[in-house]
Amino acid sequence: MDSPETISPRYVGLDTWSDASILDALAEGQERAVAAARTAGPALIAAAEAIVGRLGGPGRLVYVGAGSSGILAALDGMELAGTFGWPEERVVFVLANGAAIVPFTGEPEDDPENGRRAIGAVDLTPDDVVVAVAASGATPFTVAAAEVAAARGALTIGIAGTADAPLLAAVDHPILLDSGPEVIVGSTRMGAGTAQKAALNMLSTLVMIRLGRVIDGLMVDARIDNAKLRQRAIRMLVYLSGGDEAEAGAALDRSDGRVKIAALVMRGFSPEEAEAKLAVAGGNLRTALASLA
């Protein structure tokens, strides 16, 4: 397979092409990247099943990466609280440049000791899940962090674009994204980056669905903290429990903005009773609603 570093004859003379031809080539690269994420479906499913097993308890989701890969990993994790209500304290970022997203330099990623030290500071346990991302699959910082995580018993997931990558050999669940050569050789923010973002989105979303944080495509655990999200929550409640928007808004207020609780309040329960019923259902709203039938 070709890697993002492969010099492809497809792009010889690229800088002399018309604007339309250049954009066509770039679009092809993006389409190939998304197809690579789809092809990785079986590996993503296996990883998601294992992740759900850990995160159903007290485990944390730890994202590891450097450069563009680290940024994409962090972006995925940063959205989990708002979209799925995932506790912020259960998402950790281990980036080669520390907490900084920008600006960053490449030097820290070349030192495996930086990776060992950074992941060591997280105090991993076997309950935790580590998702390590590197386009080449050979970034010393990321590979070293994944190796330490595995040694400490954490579940390890590796996402890379090269079949024989050290990262994929170091983890419990290797996910290969064969996005092919980059239009701009080595510019992994392009095809490889798109494949990574798609795969990360697919993986984390599947996990959150299986953890009961989505019903019928609705983000029923979303954090409701602005007017737009409140209106979305009201529409969800009308869909889930009937009634009108006024009733849904009142139920949402009584439930402190928690959609799952409000959906049961609209069925005639007090917020306290709704909490108890949801707890019996393991936090799964579909299960709780089915028990009322």
Protein backbone atom coordinates (compact mmCIF):
# COMPACT_ATOMS: atom_id res chain seq x y z
CA MET A 1 0.00 0.00 0.00
CA ASP A 2 1.06 3.60 -0.59
CA SER A 3 1.67 5.81 2.43
CA PRO A 4 1.11 9.56 2.87
CA GLU A 5 4.85 9.95 2.12
CA THR A 6 4.64 8.20 -1.27
CA ILE A 7 5.50 10.38 -4.27
CA SER A 8 2.68 9.58 -6.68
CA PRO A 9 3.01 9.93 -10.47
CA ARG A 10 -0.64 11.00 -10.41
CA TYR A 11 0.42 14.48 -9.30
CA VAL A 12 3.38 15.13 -11.59
CA GLY A 13 3.05 18.68 -12.89
CA LEU A 14 0.45 19.56 -10.26
CA ASP A 15 1.61 23.16 -9.98
CA THR A 16 1.10 23.68 -13.73
CA TRP A 17 -2.50 22.39 -13.78
CA SER A 18 -5.63 24.49 -14.01
CA ASP A 19 -7.39 25.48 -10.80
CA ALA A 20 -10.25 23.11 -11.60
CA SER A 21 -7.89 20.16 -12.14
CA ILE A 22 -6.08 20.85 -8.86
CA LEU A 23 -9.36 20.99 -6.95
CA ASP A 24 -10.52 17.77 -8.61
CA ALA A 25 -7.34 16.05 -7.41
CA LEU A 26 -7.81 17.42 -3.90
CA ALA A 27 -11.43 16.26 -3.85
CA GLU A 28 -10.36 12.79 -4.98
CA GLY A 29 -7.94 12.67 -2.05
CA GLN A 30 -10.71 13.57 0.38
CA GLU A 31 -13.07 10.97 -1.08
CA ARG A 32 -10.35 8.31 -0.83
CA ALA A 33 -9.80 9.27 2.80
CA VAL A 34 -13.46 8.87 3.76
CA ALA A 35 -13.54 5.53 1.94
CA ALA A 36 -10.55 4.42 4.03
CA ALA A 37 -12.48 5.13 7.22
CA ARG A 38 -15.43 3.12 5.94
CA THR A 39 -13.16 0.21 5.03
CA ALA A 40 -11.87 0.22 8.61
CA GLY A 41 -15.41 -0.45 9.84
CA PRO A 42 -14.78 -3.96 11.26
CA ALA A 43 -11.77 -2.74 13.24
CA LEU A 44 -13.73 0.26 14.51
CA ILE A 45 -16.59 -2.00 15.63
CA ALA A 46 -14.23 -4.30 17.53
CA ALA A 47 -12.57 -1.33 19.20
CA ALA A 48 -15.91 0.24 20.12
CA GLU A 49 -17.14 -2.97 21.75
CA ALA A 50 -14.01 -3.13 23.89
CA ILE A 51 -14.21 0.57 24.78
CA VAL A 52 -17.82 0.28 25.92
CA GLY A 53 -16.77 -2.50 28.26
CA ARG A 54 -14.29 -0.18 29.99
CA LEU A 55 -16.25 3.07 29.92
CA GLY A 56 -19.35 1.42 31.34
CA GLY A 57 -17.43 1.64 34.61
CA PRO A 58 -15.28 4.49 35.93
CA GLY A 59 -12.80 4.50 33.06
CA ARG A 60 -11.51 7.57 31.25
CA LEU A 61 -11.00 8.19 27.55
CA VAL A 62 -7.42 9.32 26.91
CA TYR A 63 -6.47 10.79 23.53
CA VAL A 64 -2.79 10.74 22.52
CA GLY A 65 -1.16 12.39 19.52
CA ALA A 66 1.26 14.91 18.08
CA GLY A 67 0.97 17.61 15.43
CA SER A 68 -2.11 17.45 13.21
CA SER A 69 -3.01 14.02 14.56
CA GLY A 70 -3.01 15.34 18.11
CA ILE A 71 -5.18 18.29 17.16
CA LEU A 72 -7.75 16.03 15.48
CA ALA A 73 -7.77 13.66 18.46
CA ALA A 74 -8.29 16.57 20.84
CA LEU A 75 -11.09 18.03 18.72
CA ASP A 76 -12.95 14.73 18.88
CA GLY A 77 -12.62 14.49 22.65
CA MET A 78 -13.52 18.12 23.26
CA GLU A 79 -16.95 17.63 21.69
CA LEU A 80 -17.99 14.65 23.82
CA ALA A 81 -19.19 16.68 26.80
CA GLY A 82 -21.40 19.02 24.81
CA THR A 83 -22.80 16.45 22.40
CA PHE A 84 -23.18 13.43 24.64
CA GLY A 85 -22.97 14.79 28.17
CA TRP A 86 -19.78 12.82 28.73
CA PRO A 87 -18.14 14.00 31.99
CA GLU A 88 -15.27 16.36 31.25
CA GLU A 89 -13.16 14.80 33.99
CA ARG A 90 -13.32 11.50 32.10
CA VAL A 91 -11.60 12.86 28.97
CA VAL A 92 -7.83 13.38 29.04
CA PHE A 93 -5.52 14.76 26.34
CA VAL A 94 -1.88 13.73 26.07
CA LEU A 95 -0.36 15.90 23.34
CA ALA A 96 3.28 16.22 22.33
CA ASN A 97 3.13 19.96 22.91
CA GLY A 98 1.45 19.72 26.29
CA ALA A 99 -1.92 21.42 26.66
CA ALA A 100 -1.29 23.75 23.72
CA ILE A 101 -3.14 23.20 20.45
CA VAL A 102 -1.43 26.11 18.66
CA PRO A 103 1.24 27.17 18.17
CA PHE A 104 3.28 24.00 18.21
CA THR A 105 6.63 22.77 17.00
CA GLY A 106 7.67 19.35 15.82
CA GLU A 107 10.54 18.70 18.21
CA PRO A 108 8.63 17.28 21.23
CA GLU A 109 7.13 14.48 19.14
CA ASP A 110 10.57 13.08 18.27
CA ASP A 111 11.46 12.17 21.85
CA PRO A 112 9.88 8.94 23.14
CA GLU A 113 10.76 9.96 26.69
CA ASN A 114 8.36 12.89 26.33
CA GLY A 115 5.61 10.40 25.53
CA ARG A 116 6.46 8.16 28.46
CA ARG A 117 6.56 11.09 30.84
CA ALA A 118 3.30 12.61 29.57
CA ILE A 119 1.30 9.39 29.72
CA GLY A 120 2.85 8.56 33.09
CA ALA A 121 1.41 11.76 34.54
CA VAL A 122 -2.11 10.54 33.74
CA ASP A 123 -1.93 7.71 36.32
CA LEU A 124 -3.60 5.17 34.06
CA THR A 125 -5.56 2.22 35.42
CA PRO A 126 -6.97 -0.86 33.67
CA ASP A 127 -10.34 0.92 33.55
CA ASP A 128 -8.99 3.53 31.13
CA VAL A 129 -9.00 3.61 27.33
CA VAL A 130 -6.16 5.17 25.35
CA VAL A 131 -6.73 6.22 21.73
CA ALA A 132 -3.39 6.99 20.08
CA VAL A 133 -3.33 8.62 16.65
CA ALA A 134 -0.42 9.08 14.22
CA ALA A 135 -0.64 9.28 10.44
CA SER A 136 2.72 7.55 10.00
CA GLY A 137 2.15 5.28 12.97
CA ALA A 138 5.78 5.83 13.90
CA THR A 139 5.79 9.09 15.86
CA PRO A 140 8.12 8.36 18.82
CA PHE A 141 6.05 10.36 21.34
CA THR A 142 2.82 8.57 20.42
CA VAL A 143 4.26 5.06 20.11
CA ALA A 144 6.04 5.33 23.46
CA ALA A 145 2.89 6.60 25.17
CA ALA A 146 0.87 3.71 23.73
CA GLU A 147 3.45 1.19 24.91
CA VAL A 148 3.36 2.54 28.46
CA ALA A 149 -0.45 2.55 28.42
CA ALA A 150 -0.52 -1.09 27.34
CA ALA A 151 1.98 -2.04 30.04
CA ARG A 152 -0.26 -0.44 32.67
CA GLY A 153 -3.26 -2.47 31.58
CA ALA A 154 -5.23 0.26 29.84
CA LEU A 155 -7.17 -0.69 26.72
CA THR A 156 -5.19 0.69 23.78
CA ILE A 157 -6.48 1.74 20.36
CA GLY A 158 -4.08 2.83 17.62
CA ILE A 159 -5.05 4.71 14.46
CA ALA A 160 -2.44 4.97 11.69
CA GLY A 161 -2.09 5.12 7.92
CA THR A 162 0.76 2.64 7.41
CA ALA A 163 0.26 -1.12 7.61
CA ASP A 164 3.56 -1.99 9.30
CA ALA A 165 3.45 0.95 11.70
CA PRO A 166 4.98 0.41 15.16
CA LEU A 167 1.91 2.04 16.71
CA LEU A 168 -0.41 -0.61 15.28
CA ALA A 169 1.85 -3.35 16.66
CA ALA A 170 1.83 -1.79 20.13
CA VAL A 171 -1.93 -1.64 20.76
CA ASP A 172 -4.81 -3.98 21.52
CA HIS A 173 -6.93 -2.69 18.65
CA PRO A 174 -5.06 -1.48 15.56
CA ILE A 175 -7.07 0.59 13.07
CA LEU A 176 -5.45 1.00 9.65
CA LEU A 177 -6.59 3.91 7.48
CA ASP A 178 -5.28 3.33 3.97
CA SER A 179 -5.92 6.80 2.56
CA GLY A 180 -3.12 6.48 0.02
CA PRO A 181 -0.56 9.07 -1.07
CA GLU A 182 -1.17 12.71 -0.30
CA VAL A 183 -1.64 15.19 -3.13
CA ILE A 184 1.01 17.25 -1.32
CA VAL A 185 3.52 14.62 -0.21
CA GLY A 186 3.56 14.22 3.56
CA SER A 187 0.88 16.85 4.23
CA THR A 188 -1.11 14.60 6.51
CA ARG A 189 -3.54 17.37 7.45
CA MET A 190 -5.17 16.54 4.09
CA GLY A 191 -6.16 12.97 3.16
CA ALA A 192 -4.74 11.26 6.23
CA GLY A 193 -6.25 13.96 8.44
CA THR A 194 -9.68 13.56 6.89
CA ALA A 195 -9.49 9.79 7.35
CA GLN A 196 -8.46 10.24 10.98
CA LYS A 197 -11.24 12.71 11.71
CA ALA A 198 -13.84 10.45 10.11
CA ALA A 199 -12.57 7.40 11.99
CA LEU A 200 -12.42 9.24 15.32
CA ASN A 201 -15.93 10.61 14.84
CA MET A 202 -17.25 7.18 13.89
CA LEU A 203 -15.54 5.46 16.81
CA SER A 204 -16.54 7.89 19.56
CA THR A 205 -20.09 8.26 18.25
CA LEU A 206 -20.60 4.49 18.07
CA VAL A 207 -19.30 4.20 21.63
CA MET A 208 -21.66 6.90 22.90
CA ILE A 209 -24.63 5.32 21.13
CA ARG A 210 -23.84 1.97 22.74
CA LEU A 211 -23.54 3.67 26.13
CA GLY A 212 -27.15 4.82 25.78
CA ARG A 213 -26.44 8.48 25.13
CA VAL A 214 -28.39 8.60 21.84
CA ILE A 215 -31.92 7.53 20.97
CA ASP A 216 -33.35 7.71 17.43
CA GLY A 217 -30.46 9.92 16.39
CA LEU A 218 -31.18 12.40 19.19
CA MET A 219 -28.47 13.56 21.60
CA VAL A 220 -30.52 12.96 24.73
CA ASP A 221 -27.55 13.47 27.06
CA ALA A 222 -26.44 16.75 25.49
CA ARG A 223 -25.51 19.60 27.77
CA ILE A 224 -28.20 22.28 27.41
CA ASP A 225 -26.41 25.57 27.98
CA ASN A 226 -27.72 28.05 25.40
CA ALA A 227 -30.96 29.08 23.70
CA LYS A 228 -30.32 27.05 20.55
CA LEU A 229 -29.72 23.86 22.50
CA ARG A 230 -32.74 24.50 24.71
CA GLN A 231 -34.97 24.75 21.66
CA ARG A 232 -33.45 21.57 20.27
CA ALA A 233 -34.11 19.83 23.59
CA ILE A 234 -37.74 20.95 23.51
CA ARG A 235 -38.15 19.52 20.01
CA MET A 236 -36.62 16.25 21.20
CA LEU A 237 -39.05 16.06 24.10
CA VAL A 238 -42.08 16.72 21.90
CA TYR A 239 -40.88 13.93 19.62
CA LEU A 240 -40.13 11.48 22.43
CA SER A 241 -43.05 12.07 24.76
CA GLY A 242 -45.75 13.94 22.89
CA GLY A 243 -47.32 17.06 24.28
CA ASP A 244 -46.56 20.55 23.08
CA GLU A 245 -43.56 22.82 23.35
CA ALA A 246 -44.87 24.58 26.44
CA GLU A 247 -45.18 21.28 28.31
CA ALA A 248 -41.76 20.22 27.09
CA GLY A 249 -40.19 23.48 28.24
CA ALA A 250 -41.79 23.18 31.67
CA ALA A 251 -40.60 19.59 32.04
CA LEU A 252 -37.10 20.60 30.98
CA ASP A 253 -37.05 23.34 33.63
CA ARG A 254 -38.24 20.93 36.33
CA SER A 255 -35.50 18.51 35.28
CA ASP A 256 -32.63 21.02 35.40
CA GLY A 257 -32.14 20.78 31.65
CA ARG A 258 -31.72 16.99 31.60
CA VAL A 259 -33.55 15.67 28.56
CA LYS A 260 -33.77 12.06 29.73
CA ILE A 261 -35.34 13.05 33.03
CA ALA A 262 -37.67 15.53 31.32
CA ALA A 263 -38.89 12.84 28.91
CA LEU A 264 -40.05 10.77 31.88
CA VAL A 265 -41.45 13.82 33.69
CA MET A 266 -43.66 14.37 30.64
CA ARG A 267 -45.01 10.86 31.24
CA GLY A 268 -46.27 11.90 34.67
CA PHE A 269 -43.34 11.20 36.98
CA SER A 270 -41.67 13.59 39.36
CA PRO A 271 -38.01 14.36 38.63
CA GLU A 272 -37.02 12.15 41.57
CA GLU A 273 -39.13 9.24 40.31
CA ALA A 274 -37.74 9.76 36.82
CA GLU A 275 -34.19 9.59 38.14
CA ALA A 276 -34.95 6.33 39.91
CA LYS A 277 -36.54 4.77 36.82
CA LEU A 278 -33.62 5.85 34.67
CA ALA A 279 -31.16 4.41 37.17
CA VAL A 280 -32.96 1.05 37.09
CA ALA A 281 -32.65 1.17 33.28
CA GLY A 282 -28.91 1.73 33.52
CA GLY A 283 -29.28 5.28 32.24
CA ASN A 284 -30.81 4.07 28.98
CA LEU A 285 -33.86 6.14 28.09
CA ARG A 286 -35.16 3.66 25.53
CA THR A 287 -35.15 0.92 28.16
CA ALA A 288 -36.86 3.20 30.68
CA LEU A 289 -39.58 4.20 28.22
CA ALA A 290 -40.13 0.58 27.17
CA SER A 291 -40.73 -0.36 30.81
CA LEU A 292 -43.73 1.98 30.85
CA ALA A 293 -45.52 0.25 27.98
